[in-house]
């Protein structure tokens, strides 16, 4: 067995950008907080 088994809802976090295409880092933090409030079991980042 591996160290831990994972299951449940593991949605993919979007990467927010400003209108000029630069990273919106504060928006990224808000995305993650929103997802935790969505009752997720885990979060996947940097996916397709």
ModelCIF file with pLDDT and N, C-alpha, C, O atoms, coordinates in Angstrom:
data_MODEL
#
_entry.id   MODEL 
#
_entity.id                         1 
_entity.type                       polymer 
_entity.pdbx_number_of_molecules   1 
#
_entity_poly.entity_id                      1 
_entity_poly.type                           'polypeptide(L)' 
_entity_poly.nstd_linkage                   no 
_entity_poly.nstd_monomer                   no 
_entity_poly.pdbx_seq_one_letter_code       
;(UNK)(UNK)(UNK)(UNK)(UNK)(UNK)(UNK)(UNK)(UNK)(UNK)(UNK)(UNK)(UNK)(UNK)(UNK)(UNK)
(UNK)(UNK)(UNK)(UNK)(UNK)(UNK)(UNK)(UNK)(UNK)(UNK)(UNK)(UNK)(UNK)(UNK)(UNK)(UNK)
(UNK)(UNK)(UNK)(UNK)(UNK)(UNK)(UNK)(UNK)(UNK)(UNK)(UNK)(UNK)(UNK)(UNK)(UNK)(UNK)
;
_entity_poly.pdbx_seq_one_letter_code_can   XXXXXXXXXXXXXXXXXXXXXXXXXXXXXXXXXXXXXXXXXXXXXXXX 
_entity_poly.pdbx_strand_id                 A 
#
loop_
_entity_poly_seq.entity_id 
_entity_poly_seq.num 
_entity_poly_seq.mon_id 
_entity_poly_seq.hetero 
1 1  UNK n 
1 2  UNK n 
1 3  UNK n 
1 4  UNK n 
1 5  UNK n 
1 6  UNK n 
1 7  UNK n 
1 8  UNK n 
1 9  UNK n 
1 10 UNK n 
1 11 UNK n 
1 12 UNK n 
1 13 UNK n 
1 14 UNK n 
1 15 UNK n 
1 16 UNK n 
1 17 UNK n 
1 18 UNK n 
1 19 UNK n 
1 20 UNK n 
1 21 UNK n 
1 22 UNK n 
1 23 UNK n 
1 24 UNK n 
1 25 UNK n 
1 26 UNK n 
1 27 UNK n 
1 28 UNK n 
1 29 UNK n 
1 30 UNK n 
1 31 UNK n 
1 32 UNK n 
1 33 UNK n 
1 34 UNK n 
1 35 UNK n 
1 36 UNK n 
1 37 UNK n 
1 38 UNK n 
1 39 UNK n 
1 40 UNK n 
1 41 UNK n 
1 42 UNK n 
1 43 UNK n 
1 44 UNK n 
1 45 UNK n 
1 46 UNK n 
1 47 UNK n 
1 48 UNK n 
#
_struct_asym.id          A 
_struct_asym.entity_id   1 
#
loop_
_ma_qa_metric.id 
_ma_qa_metric.mode 
_ma_qa_metric.name 
_ma_qa_metric.software_group_id 
_ma_qa_metric.type 
1 global pLDDT . pLDDT 
2 local  pLDDT . pLDDT 
#
_ma_qa_metric_global.metric_id      1 
_ma_qa_metric_global.metric_value   94.46 
_ma_qa_metric_global.model_id       1 
_ma_qa_metric_global.ordinal_id     1 
#
loop_
_ma_qa_metric_local.label_asym_id 
_ma_qa_metric_local.label_comp_id 
_ma_qa_metric_local.label_seq_id 
_ma_qa_metric_local.metric_id 
_ma_qa_metric_local.metric_value 
_ma_qa_metric_local.model_id 
_ma_qa_metric_local.ordinal_id 
A UNK 1  2 44.00 1 1  
A UNK 2  2 50.00 1 2  
A UNK 3  2 64.00 1 3  
A UNK 4  2 84.00 1 4  
A UNK 5  2 91.00 1 5  
A UNK 6  2 97.00 1 6  
A UNK 7  2 98.00 1 7  
A UNK 8  2 98.00 1 8  
A UNK 9  2 98.00 1 9  
A UNK 10 2 98.00 1 10 
A UNK 11 2 98.00 1 11 
A UNK 12 2 98.00 1 12 
A UNK 13 2 98.00 1 13 
A UNK 14 2 98.00 1 14 
A UNK 15 2 98.00 1 15 
A UNK 16 2 98.00 1 16 
A UNK 17 2 98.00 1 17 
A UNK 18 2 98.00 1 18 
A UNK 19 2 97.00 1 19 
A UNK 20 2 96.00 1 20 
A UNK 21 2 96.00 1 21 
A UNK 22 2 98.00 1 22 
A UNK 23 2 98.00 1 23 
A UNK 24 2 98.00 1 24 
A UNK 25 2 98.00 1 25 
A UNK 26 2 98.00 1 26 
A UNK 27 2 98.00 1 27 
A UNK 28 2 98.00 1 28 
A UNK 29 2 98.00 1 29 
A UNK 30 2 98.00 1 30 
A UNK 31 2 98.00 1 31 
A UNK 32 2 98.00 1 32 
A UNK 33 2 98.00 1 33 
A UNK 34 2 98.00 1 34 
A UNK 35 2 98.00 1 35 
A UNK 36 2 98.00 1 36 
A UNK 37 2 98.00 1 37 
A UNK 38 2 98.00 1 38 
A UNK 39 2 97.00 1 39 
A UNK 40 2 98.00 1 40 
A UNK 41 2 98.00 1 41 
A UNK 42 2 98.00 1 42 
A UNK 43 2 98.00 1 43 
A UNK 44 2 98.00 1 44 
A UNK 45 2 98.00 1 45 
A UNK 46 2 98.00 1 46 
A UNK 47 2 96.00 1 47 
A UNK 48 2 94.00 1 48 
#
loop_
_atom_site.group_PDB 
_atom_site.id 
_atom_site.type_symbol 
_atom_site.label_atom_id 
_atom_site.label_alt_id 
_atom_site.label_comp_id 
_atom_site.label_asym_id 
_atom_site.label_entity_id 
_atom_site.label_seq_id 
_atom_site.pdbx_PDB_ins_code 
_atom_site.Cartn_x 
_atom_site.Cartn_y 
_atom_site.Cartn_z 
_atom_site.occupancy 
_atom_site.B_iso_or_equiv 
_atom_site.pdbx_formal_charge 
_atom_site.auth_seq_id 
_atom_site.auth_comp_id 
_atom_site.auth_asym_id 
_atom_site.auth_atom_id 
_atom_site.pdbx_PDB_model_num 
ATOM 1   N N  . UNK A 1 1  ? 0.841   -1.197 0.000   1.00 44.00 ? 1  UNK A N  1 
ATOM 2   C CA . UNK A 1 1  ? 0.000   0.000  0.000   1.00 44.00 ? 1  UNK A CA 1 
ATOM 3   C C  . UNK A 1 1  ? 0.878   1.249  0.000   1.00 44.00 ? 1  UNK A C  1 
ATOM 4   O O  . UNK A 1 1  ? 1.936   1.272  0.629   1.00 44.00 ? 1  UNK A O  1 
ATOM 5   N N  . UNK A 1 2  ? 0.433   2.289  -0.709  1.00 50.00 ? 2  UNK A N  1 
ATOM 6   C CA . UNK A 1 2  ? 1.131   3.563  -0.667  1.00 50.00 ? 2  UNK A CA 1 
ATOM 7   C C  . UNK A 1 2  ? 0.827   4.247  0.663   1.00 50.00 ? 2  UNK A C  1 
ATOM 8   O O  . UNK A 1 2  ? 0.016   3.761  1.451   1.00 50.00 ? 2  UNK A O  1 
ATOM 9   N N  . UNK A 1 3  ? 1.477   5.363  0.900   1.00 64.00 ? 3  UNK A N  1 
ATOM 10  C CA . UNK A 1 3  ? 1.380   6.014  2.197   1.00 64.00 ? 3  UNK A CA 1 
ATOM 11  C C  . UNK A 1 3  ? -0.053  6.387  2.549   1.00 64.00 ? 3  UNK A C  1 
ATOM 12  O O  . UNK A 1 3  ? -0.442  6.314  3.715   1.00 64.00 ? 3  UNK A O  1 
ATOM 13  N N  . UNK A 1 4  ? -0.835  6.782  1.569   1.00 84.00 ? 4  UNK A N  1 
ATOM 14  C CA . UNK A 1 4  ? -2.214  7.191  1.829   1.00 84.00 ? 4  UNK A CA 1 
ATOM 15  C C  . UNK A 1 4  ? -3.019  7.036  0.559   1.00 84.00 ? 4  UNK A C  1 
ATOM 16  O O  . UNK A 1 4  ? -2.510  7.219  -0.547  1.00 84.00 ? 4  UNK A O  1 
ATOM 17  N N  . UNK A 1 5  ? -4.284  6.697  0.732   1.00 91.00 ? 5  UNK A N  1 
ATOM 18  C CA . UNK A 1 5  ? -5.185  6.589  -0.416  1.00 91.00 ? 5  UNK A CA 1 
ATOM 19  C C  . UNK A 1 5  ? -6.082  7.816  -0.445  1.00 91.00 ? 5  UNK A C  1 
ATOM 20  O O  . UNK A 1 5  ? -6.590  8.252  0.588   1.00 91.00 ? 5  UNK A O  1 
ATOM 21  N N  . UNK A 1 6  ? -6.269  8.364  -1.628  1.00 97.00 ? 6  UNK A N  1 
ATOM 22  C CA . UNK A 1 6  ? -7.075  9.573  -1.788  1.00 97.00 ? 6  UNK A CA 1 
ATOM 23  C C  . UNK A 1 6  ? -8.331  9.251  -2.587  1.00 97.00 ? 6  UNK A C  1 
ATOM 24  O O  . UNK A 1 6  ? -8.319  8.413  -3.488  1.00 97.00 ? 6  UNK A O  1 
ATOM 25  N N  . UNK A 1 7  ? -9.407  9.933  -2.237  1.00 98.00 ? 7  UNK A N  1 
ATOM 26  C CA . UNK A 1 7  ? -10.685 9.705  -2.911  1.00 98.00 ? 7  UNK A CA 1 
ATOM 27  C C  . UNK A 1 7  ? -11.539 10.957 -2.781  1.00 98.00 ? 7  UNK A C  1 
ATOM 28  O O  . UNK A 1 7  ? -11.151 11.929 -2.132  1.00 98.00 ? 7  UNK A O  1 
ATOM 29  N N  . UNK A 1 8  ? -12.710 10.917 -3.411  1.00 98.00 ? 8  UNK A N  1 
ATOM 30  C CA . UNK A 1 8  ? -13.654 12.024 -3.293  1.00 98.00 ? 8  UNK A CA 1 
ATOM 31  C C  . UNK A 1 8  ? -13.551 13.023 -4.427  1.00 98.00 ? 8  UNK A C  1 
ATOM 32  O O  . UNK A 1 8  ? -13.144 12.680 -5.538  1.00 98.00 ? 8  UNK A O  1 
ATOM 33  N N  . UNK A 1 9  ? -13.921 14.257 -4.141  1.00 98.00 ? 9  UNK A N  1 
ATOM 34  C CA . UNK A 1 9  ? -13.964 15.318 -5.142  1.00 98.00 ? 9  UNK A CA 1 
ATOM 35  C C  . UNK A 1 9  ? -12.648 16.086 -5.139  1.00 98.00 ? 9  UNK A C  1 
ATOM 36  O O  . UNK A 1 9  ? -12.301 16.745 -4.159  1.00 98.00 ? 9  UNK A O  1 
ATOM 37  N N  . UNK A 1 10 ? -11.917 15.991 -6.256  1.00 98.00 ? 10 UNK A N  1 
ATOM 38  C CA . UNK A 1 10 ? -10.627 16.667 -6.424  1.00 98.00 ? 10 UNK A CA 1 
ATOM 39  C C  . UNK A 1 10 ? -10.683 17.559 -7.663  1.00 98.00 ? 10 UNK A C  1 
ATOM 40  O O  . UNK A 1 10 ? -10.045 17.248 -8.669  1.00 98.00 ? 10 UNK A O  1 
ATOM 41  N N  . UNK A 1 11 ? -11.426 18.649 -7.611  1.00 98.00 ? 11 UNK A N  1 
ATOM 42  C CA . UNK A 1 11 ? -11.548 19.494 -8.806  1.00 98.00 ? 11 UNK A CA 1 
ATOM 43  C C  . UNK A 1 11 ? -10.251 20.211 -9.158  1.00 98.00 ? 11 UNK A C  1 
ATOM 44  O O  . UNK A 1 11 ? -9.353  20.373 -8.332  1.00 98.00 ? 11 UNK A O  1 
ATOM 45  N N  . UNK A 1 12 ? -10.193 20.629 -10.404 1.00 98.00 ? 12 UNK A N  1 
ATOM 46  C CA . UNK A 1 12 ? -9.030  21.346 -10.929 1.00 98.00 ? 12 UNK A CA 1 
ATOM 47  C C  . UNK A 1 12 ? -9.218  22.844 -10.727 1.00 98.00 ? 12 UNK A C  1 
ATOM 48  O O  . UNK A 1 12 ? -10.254 23.404 -11.087 1.00 98.00 ? 12 UNK A O  1 
ATOM 49  N N  . UNK A 1 13 ? -8.211  23.482 -10.150 1.00 98.00 ? 13 UNK A N  1 
ATOM 50  C CA . UNK A 1 13 ? -8.262  24.928 -9.944  1.00 98.00 ? 13 UNK A CA 1 
ATOM 51  C C  . UNK A 1 13 ? -7.908  25.666 -11.226 1.00 98.00 ? 13 UNK A C  1 
ATOM 52  O O  . UNK A 1 13 ? -6.893  25.354 -11.848 1.00 98.00 ? 13 UNK A O  1 
ATOM 53  N N  . UNK A 1 14 ? -8.710  26.626 -11.634 1.00 98.00 ? 14 UNK A N  1 
ATOM 54  C CA . UNK A 1 14 ? -8.307  27.465 -12.766 1.00 98.00 ? 14 UNK A CA 1 
ATOM 55  C C  . UNK A 1 14 ? -7.188  28.403 -12.358 1.00 98.00 ? 14 UNK A C  1 
ATOM 56  O O  . UNK A 1 14 ? -7.005  28.684 -11.173 1.00 98.00 ? 14 UNK A O  1 
ATOM 57  N N  . UNK A 1 15 ? -6.445  28.886 -13.334 1.00 98.00 ? 15 UNK A N  1 
ATOM 58  C CA . UNK A 1 15 ? -5.408  29.890 -13.099 1.00 98.00 ? 15 UNK A CA 1 
ATOM 59  C C  . UNK A 1 15 ? -5.938  31.235 -13.585 1.00 98.00 ? 15 UNK A C  1 
ATOM 60  O O  . UNK A 1 15 ? -6.069  31.428 -14.794 1.00 98.00 ? 15 UNK A O  1 
ATOM 61  N N  . UNK A 1 16 ? -6.246  32.164 -12.695 1.00 98.00 ? 16 UNK A N  1 
ATOM 62  C CA . UNK A 1 16 ? -6.791  33.456 -13.139 1.00 98.00 ? 16 UNK A CA 1 
ATOM 63  C C  . UNK A 1 16 ? -5.710  34.393 -13.652 1.00 98.00 ? 16 UNK A C  1 
ATOM 64  O O  . UNK A 1 16 ? -4.597  34.443 -13.127 1.00 98.00 ? 16 UNK A O  1 
ATOM 65  N N  . UNK A 1 17 ? -6.066  35.128 -14.682 1.00 98.00 ? 17 UNK A N  1 
ATOM 66  C CA . UNK A 1 17 ? -5.177  36.140 -15.259 1.00 98.00 ? 17 UNK A CA 1 
ATOM 67  C C  . UNK A 1 17 ? -5.880  37.493 -15.237 1.00 98.00 ? 17 UNK A C  1 
ATOM 68  O O  . UNK A 1 17 ? -7.109  37.575 -15.260 1.00 98.00 ? 17 UNK A O  1 
ATOM 69  N N  . UNK A 1 18 ? -5.075  38.551 -15.191 1.00 98.00 ? 18 UNK A N  1 
ATOM 70  C CA . UNK A 1 18 ? -5.615  39.881 -15.420 1.00 98.00 ? 18 UNK A CA 1 
ATOM 71  C C  . UNK A 1 18 ? -5.935  40.016 -16.907 1.00 98.00 ? 18 UNK A C  1 
ATOM 72  O O  . UNK A 1 18 ? -5.566  39.164 -17.716 1.00 98.00 ? 18 UNK A O  1 
ATOM 73  N N  . UNK A 1 19 ? -6.626  41.098 -17.250 1.00 97.00 ? 19 UNK A N  1 
ATOM 74  C CA . UNK A 1 19 ? -7.008  41.299 -18.644 1.00 97.00 ? 19 UNK A CA 1 
ATOM 75  C C  . UNK A 1 19 ? -5.790  41.381 -19.572 1.00 97.00 ? 19 UNK A C  1 
ATOM 76  O O  . UNK A 1 19 ? -5.895  41.066 -20.757 1.00 97.00 ? 19 UNK A O  1 
ATOM 77  N N  . UNK A 1 20 ? -4.645  41.798 -19.041 1.00 96.00 ? 20 UNK A N  1 
ATOM 78  C CA . UNK A 1 20 ? -3.444  41.888 -19.877 1.00 96.00 ? 20 UNK A CA 1 
ATOM 79  C C  . UNK A 1 20 ? -2.685  40.563 -19.957 1.00 96.00 ? 20 UNK A C  1 
ATOM 80  O O  . UNK A 1 20 ? -1.617  40.494 -20.565 1.00 96.00 ? 20 UNK A O  1 
ATOM 81  N N  . UNK A 1 21 ? -3.236  39.505 -19.340 1.00 96.00 ? 21 UNK A N  1 
ATOM 82  C CA . UNK A 1 21 ? -2.628  38.190 -19.431 1.00 96.00 ? 21 UNK A CA 1 
ATOM 83  C C  . UNK A 1 21 ? -1.639  37.861 -18.329 1.00 96.00 ? 21 UNK A C  1 
ATOM 84  O O  . UNK A 1 21 ? -1.119  36.746 -18.291 1.00 96.00 ? 21 UNK A O  1 
ATOM 85  N N  . UNK A 1 22 ? -1.364  38.795 -17.433 1.00 98.00 ? 22 UNK A N  1 
ATOM 86  C CA . UNK A 1 22 ? -0.464  38.511 -16.319 1.00 98.00 ? 22 UNK A CA 1 
ATOM 87  C C  . UNK A 1 22 ? -1.198  37.726 -15.233 1.00 98.00 ? 22 UNK A C  1 
ATOM 88  O O  . UNK A 1 22 ? -2.425  37.768 -15.140 1.00 98.00 ? 22 UNK A O  1 
ATOM 89  N N  . UNK A 1 23 ? -0.430  37.012 -14.417 1.00 98.00 ? 23 UNK A N  1 
ATOM 90  C CA . UNK A 1 23 ? -1.032  36.222 -13.346 1.00 98.00 ? 23 UNK A CA 1 
ATOM 91  C C  . UNK A 1 23 ? -1.758  37.105 -12.345 1.00 98.00 ? 23 UNK A C  1 
ATOM 92  O O  . UNK A 1 23 ? -1.254  38.156 -11.949 1.00 98.00 ? 23 UNK A O  1 
ATOM 93  N N  . UNK A 1 24 ? -2.944  36.672 -11.940 1.00 98.00 ? 24 UNK A N  1 
ATOM 94  C CA . UNK A 1 24 ? -3.688  37.342 -10.877 1.00 98.00 ? 24 UNK A CA 1 
ATOM 95  C C  . UNK A 1 24 ? -3.491  36.512 -9.609  1.00 98.00 ? 24 UNK A C  1 
ATOM 96  O O  . UNK A 1 24 ? -4.266  35.596 -9.332  1.00 98.00 ? 24 UNK A O  1 
ATOM 97  N N  . UNK A 1 25 ? -2.469  36.831 -8.858  1.00 98.00 ? 25 UNK A N  1 
ATOM 98  C CA . UNK A 1 25 ? -2.104  36.011 -7.708  1.00 98.00 ? 25 UNK A CA 1 
ATOM 99  C C  . UNK A 1 25 ? -3.118  36.141 -6.573  1.00 98.00 ? 25 UNK A C  1 
ATOM 100 O O  . UNK A 1 25 ? -3.405  35.157 -5.891  1.00 98.00 ? 25 UNK A O  1 
ATOM 101 N N  . UNK A 1 26 ? -3.652  37.317 -6.365  1.00 98.00 ? 26 UNK A N  1 
ATOM 102 C CA . UNK A 1 26 ? -4.683  37.465 -5.342  1.00 98.00 ? 26 UNK A CA 1 
ATOM 103 C C  . UNK A 1 26 ? -5.936  36.694 -5.758  1.00 98.00 ? 26 UNK A C  1 
ATOM 104 O O  . UNK A 1 26 ? -6.595  36.064 -4.931  1.00 98.00 ? 26 UNK A O  1 
ATOM 105 N N  . UNK A 1 27 ? -6.251  36.753 -7.046  1.00 98.00 ? 27 UNK A N  1 
ATOM 106 C CA . UNK A 1 27 ? -7.371  35.968 -7.546  1.00 98.00 ? 27 UNK A CA 1 
ATOM 107 C C  . UNK A 1 27 ? -7.149  34.476 -7.348  1.00 98.00 ? 27 UNK A C  1 
ATOM 108 O O  . UNK A 1 27 ? -8.090  33.744 -7.039  1.00 98.00 ? 27 UNK A O  1 
ATOM 109 N N  . UNK A 1 28 ? -5.913  34.021 -7.524  1.00 98.00 ? 28 UNK A N  1 
ATOM 110 C CA . UNK A 1 28 ? -5.609  32.605 -7.312  1.00 98.00 ? 28 UNK A CA 1 
ATOM 111 C C  . UNK A 1 28 ? -5.889  32.197 -5.867  1.00 98.00 ? 28 UNK A C  1 
ATOM 112 O O  . UNK A 1 28 ? -6.428  31.120 -5.610  1.00 98.00 ? 28 UNK A O  1 
ATOM 113 N N  . UNK A 1 29 ? -5.525  33.052 -4.942  1.00 98.00 ? 29 UNK A N  1 
ATOM 114 C CA . UNK A 1 29 ? -5.805  32.757 -3.532  1.00 98.00 ? 29 UNK A CA 1 
ATOM 115 C C  . UNK A 1 29 ? -7.311  32.655 -3.290  1.00 98.00 ? 29 UNK A C  1 
ATOM 116 O O  . UNK A 1 29 ? -7.771  31.782 -2.553  1.00 98.00 ? 29 UNK A O  1 
ATOM 117 N N  . UNK A 1 30 ? -8.068  33.545 -3.911  1.00 98.00 ? 30 UNK A N  1 
ATOM 118 C CA . UNK A 1 30 ? -9.524  33.529 -3.729  1.00 98.00 ? 30 UNK A CA 1 
ATOM 119 C C  . UNK A 1 30 ? -10.143 32.287 -4.366  1.00 98.00 ? 30 UNK A C  1 
ATOM 120 O O  . UNK A 1 30 ? -11.084 31.707 -3.824  1.00 98.00 ? 30 UNK A O  1 
ATOM 121 N N  . UNK A 1 31 ? -9.613  31.885 -5.509  1.00 98.00 ? 31 UNK A N  1 
ATOM 122 C CA . UNK A 1 31 ? -10.088 30.652 -6.137  1.00 98.00 ? 31 UNK A CA 1 
ATOM 123 C C  . UNK A 1 31 ? -9.942  29.474 -5.180  1.00 98.00 ? 31 UNK A C  1 
ATOM 124 O O  . UNK A 1 31 ? -10.875 28.690 -5.009  1.00 98.00 ? 31 UNK A O  1 
ATOM 125 N N  . UNK A 1 32 ? -8.791  29.351 -4.565  1.00 98.00 ? 32 UNK A N  1 
ATOM 126 C CA . UNK A 1 32 ? -8.531  28.230 -3.665  1.00 98.00 ? 32 UNK A CA 1 
ATOM 127 C C  . UNK A 1 32 ? -9.438  28.279 -2.437  1.00 98.00 ? 32 UNK A C  1 
ATOM 128 O O  . UNK A 1 32 ? -9.955  27.248 -2.007  1.00 98.00 ? 32 UNK A O  1 
ATOM 129 N N  . UNK A 1 33 ? -9.634  29.460 -1.874  1.00 98.00 ? 33 UNK A N  1 
ATOM 130 C CA . UNK A 1 33 ? -10.529 29.577 -0.719  1.00 98.00 ? 33 UNK A CA 1 
ATOM 131 C C  . UNK A 1 33 ? -11.956 29.227 -1.096  1.00 98.00 ? 33 UNK A C  1 
ATOM 132 O O  . UNK A 1 33 ? -12.660 28.569 -0.330  1.00 98.00 ? 33 UNK A O  1 
ATOM 133 N N  . UNK A 1 34 ? -12.388 29.662 -2.272  1.00 98.00 ? 34 UNK A N  1 
ATOM 134 C CA . UNK A 1 34 ? -13.725 29.314 -2.748  1.00 98.00 ? 34 UNK A CA 1 
ATOM 135 C C  . UNK A 1 34 ? -13.859 27.806 -2.894  1.00 98.00 ? 34 UNK A C  1 
ATOM 136 O O  . UNK A 1 34 ? -14.871 27.228 -2.496  1.00 98.00 ? 34 UNK A O  1 
ATOM 137 N N  . UNK A 1 35 ? -12.846 27.169 -3.461  1.00 98.00 ? 35 UNK A N  1 
ATOM 138 C CA . UNK A 1 35 ? -12.915 25.720 -3.671  1.00 98.00 ? 35 UNK A CA 1 
ATOM 139 C C  . UNK A 1 35 ? -12.997 24.963 -2.355  1.00 98.00 ? 35 UNK A C  1 
ATOM 140 O O  . UNK A 1 35 ? -13.713 23.967 -2.255  1.00 98.00 ? 35 UNK A O  1 
ATOM 141 N N  . UNK A 1 36 ? -12.279 25.420 -1.358  1.00 98.00 ? 36 UNK A N  1 
ATOM 142 C CA . UNK A 1 36 ? -12.371 24.766 -0.051  1.00 98.00 ? 36 UNK A CA 1 
ATOM 143 C C  . UNK A 1 36 ? -13.776 24.923 0.516   1.00 98.00 ? 36 UNK A C  1 
ATOM 144 O O  . UNK A 1 36 ? -14.308 23.998 1.131   1.00 98.00 ? 36 UNK A O  1 
ATOM 145 N N  . UNK A 1 37 ? -14.373 26.086 0.311   1.00 98.00 ? 37 UNK A N  1 
ATOM 146 C CA . UNK A 1 37 ? -15.758 26.295 0.743   1.00 98.00 ? 37 UNK A CA 1 
ATOM 147 C C  . UNK A 1 37 ? -16.750 25.461 -0.071  1.00 98.00 ? 37 UNK A C  1 
ATOM 148 O O  . UNK A 1 37 ? -17.886 25.258 0.358   1.00 98.00 ? 37 UNK A O  1 
ATOM 149 N N  . UNK A 1 38 ? -16.333 24.984 -1.226  1.00 98.00 ? 38 UNK A N  1 
ATOM 150 C CA . UNK A 1 38 ? -17.185 24.111 -2.044  1.00 98.00 ? 38 UNK A CA 1 
ATOM 151 C C  . UNK A 1 38 ? -17.227 22.676 -1.519  1.00 98.00 ? 38 UNK A C  1 
ATOM 152 O O  . UNK A 1 38 ? -17.826 21.807 -2.152  1.00 98.00 ? 38 UNK A O  1 
ATOM 153 N N  . UNK A 1 39 ? -16.602 22.419 -0.378  1.00 97.00 ? 39 UNK A N  1 
ATOM 154 C CA . UNK A 1 39 ? -16.598 21.103 0.279   1.00 97.00 ? 39 UNK A CA 1 
ATOM 155 C C  . UNK A 1 39 ? -15.814 20.061 -0.504  1.00 97.00 ? 39 UNK A C  1 
ATOM 156 O O  . UNK A 1 39 ? -16.198 18.892 -0.550  1.00 97.00 ? 39 UNK A O  1 
ATOM 157 N N  . UNK A 1 40 ? -14.724 20.483 -1.113  1.00 98.00 ? 40 UNK A N  1 
ATOM 158 C CA . UNK A 1 40 ? -13.922 19.536 -1.874  1.00 98.00 ? 40 UNK A CA 1 
ATOM 159 C C  . UNK A 1 40 ? -13.091 18.670 -0.929  1.00 98.00 ? 40 UNK A C  1 
ATOM 160 O O  . UNK A 1 40 ? -12.847 19.042 0.218   1.00 98.00 ? 40 UNK A O  1 
ATOM 161 N N  . UNK A 1 41 ? -12.663 17.516 -1.424  1.00 98.00 ? 41 UNK A N  1 
ATOM 162 C CA . UNK A 1 41 ? -11.789 16.629 -0.666  1.00 98.00 ? 41 UNK A CA 1 
ATOM 163 C C  . UNK A 1 41 ? -10.325 16.890 -0.985  1.00 98.00 ? 41 UNK A C  1 
ATOM 164 O O  . UNK A 1 41 ? -9.444  16.442 -0.252  1.00 98.00 ? 41 UNK A O  1 
ATOM 165 N N  . UNK A 1 42 ? -10.058 17.598 -2.054  1.00 98.00 ? 42 UNK A N  1 
ATOM 166 C CA . UNK A 1 42 ? -8.705  17.934 -2.466  1.00 98.00 ? 42 UNK A CA 1 
ATOM 167 C C  . UNK A 1 42 ? -8.777  18.870 -3.656  1.00 98.00 ? 42 UNK A C  1 
ATOM 168 O O  . UNK A 1 42 ? -9.848  19.090 -4.223  1.00 98.00 ? 42 UNK A O  1 
ATOM 169 N N  . UNK A 1 43 ? -7.636  19.418 -4.029  1.00 98.00 ? 43 UNK A N  1 
ATOM 170 C CA . UNK A 1 43 ? -7.559  20.359 -5.145  1.00 98.00 ? 43 UNK A CA 1 
ATOM 171 C C  . UNK A 1 43 ? -6.396  19.967 -6.027  1.00 98.00 ? 43 UNK A C  1 
ATOM 172 O O  . UNK A 1 43 ? -5.315  19.639 -5.539  1.00 98.00 ? 43 UNK A O  1 
ATOM 173 N N  . UNK A 1 44 ? -6.622  20.002 -7.334  1.00 98.00 ? 44 UNK A N  1 
ATOM 174 C CA . UNK A 1 44 ? -5.552  19.772 -8.304  1.00 98.00 ? 44 UNK A CA 1 
ATOM 175 C C  . UNK A 1 44 ? -5.184  21.105 -8.938  1.00 98.00 ? 44 UNK A C  1 
ATOM 176 O O  . UNK A 1 44 ? -6.059  21.851 -9.378  1.00 98.00 ? 44 UNK A O  1 
ATOM 177 N N  . UNK A 1 45 ? -3.897  21.403 -8.986  1.00 98.00 ? 45 UNK A N  1 
ATOM 178 C CA . UNK A 1 45 ? -3.442  22.640 -9.623  1.00 98.00 ? 45 UNK A CA 1 
ATOM 179 C C  . UNK A 1 45 ? -2.551  22.319 -10.819 1.00 98.00 ? 45 UNK A C  1 
ATOM 180 O O  . UNK A 1 45 ? -1.993  21.227 -10.929 1.00 98.00 ? 45 UNK A O  1 
ATOM 181 N N  . UNK A 1 46 ? -2.435  23.293 -11.701 1.00 98.00 ? 46 UNK A N  1 
ATOM 182 C CA . UNK A 1 46 ? -1.560  23.222 -12.874 1.00 98.00 ? 46 UNK A CA 1 
ATOM 183 C C  . UNK A 1 46 ? -1.890  22.056 -13.804 1.00 98.00 ? 46 UNK A C  1 
ATOM 184 O O  . UNK A 1 46 ? -1.005  21.479 -14.437 1.00 98.00 ? 46 UNK A O  1 
ATOM 185 N N  . UNK A 1 47 ? -3.168  21.725 -13.874 1.00 96.00 ? 47 UNK A N  1 
ATOM 186 C CA . UNK A 1 47 ? -3.628  20.714 -14.820 1.00 96.00 ? 47 UNK A CA 1 
ATOM 187 C C  . UNK A 1 47 ? -3.927  21.376 -16.169 1.00 96.00 ? 47 UNK A C  1 
ATOM 188 O O  . UNK A 1 47 ? -3.762  22.586 -16.328 1.00 96.00 ? 47 UNK A O  1 
ATOM 189 N N  . UNK A 1 48 ? -4.363  20.579 -17.123 1.00 94.00 ? 48 UNK A N  1 
ATOM 190 C CA . UNK A 1 48 ? -4.715  21.156 -18.426 1.00 94.00 ? 48 UNK A CA 1 
ATOM 191 C C  . UNK A 1 48 ? -5.814  22.202 -18.278 1.00 94.00 ? 48 UNK A C  1 
ATOM 192 O O  . UNK A 1 48 ? -6.239  22.795 -19.269 1.00 94.00 ? 48 UNK A O  1 
#
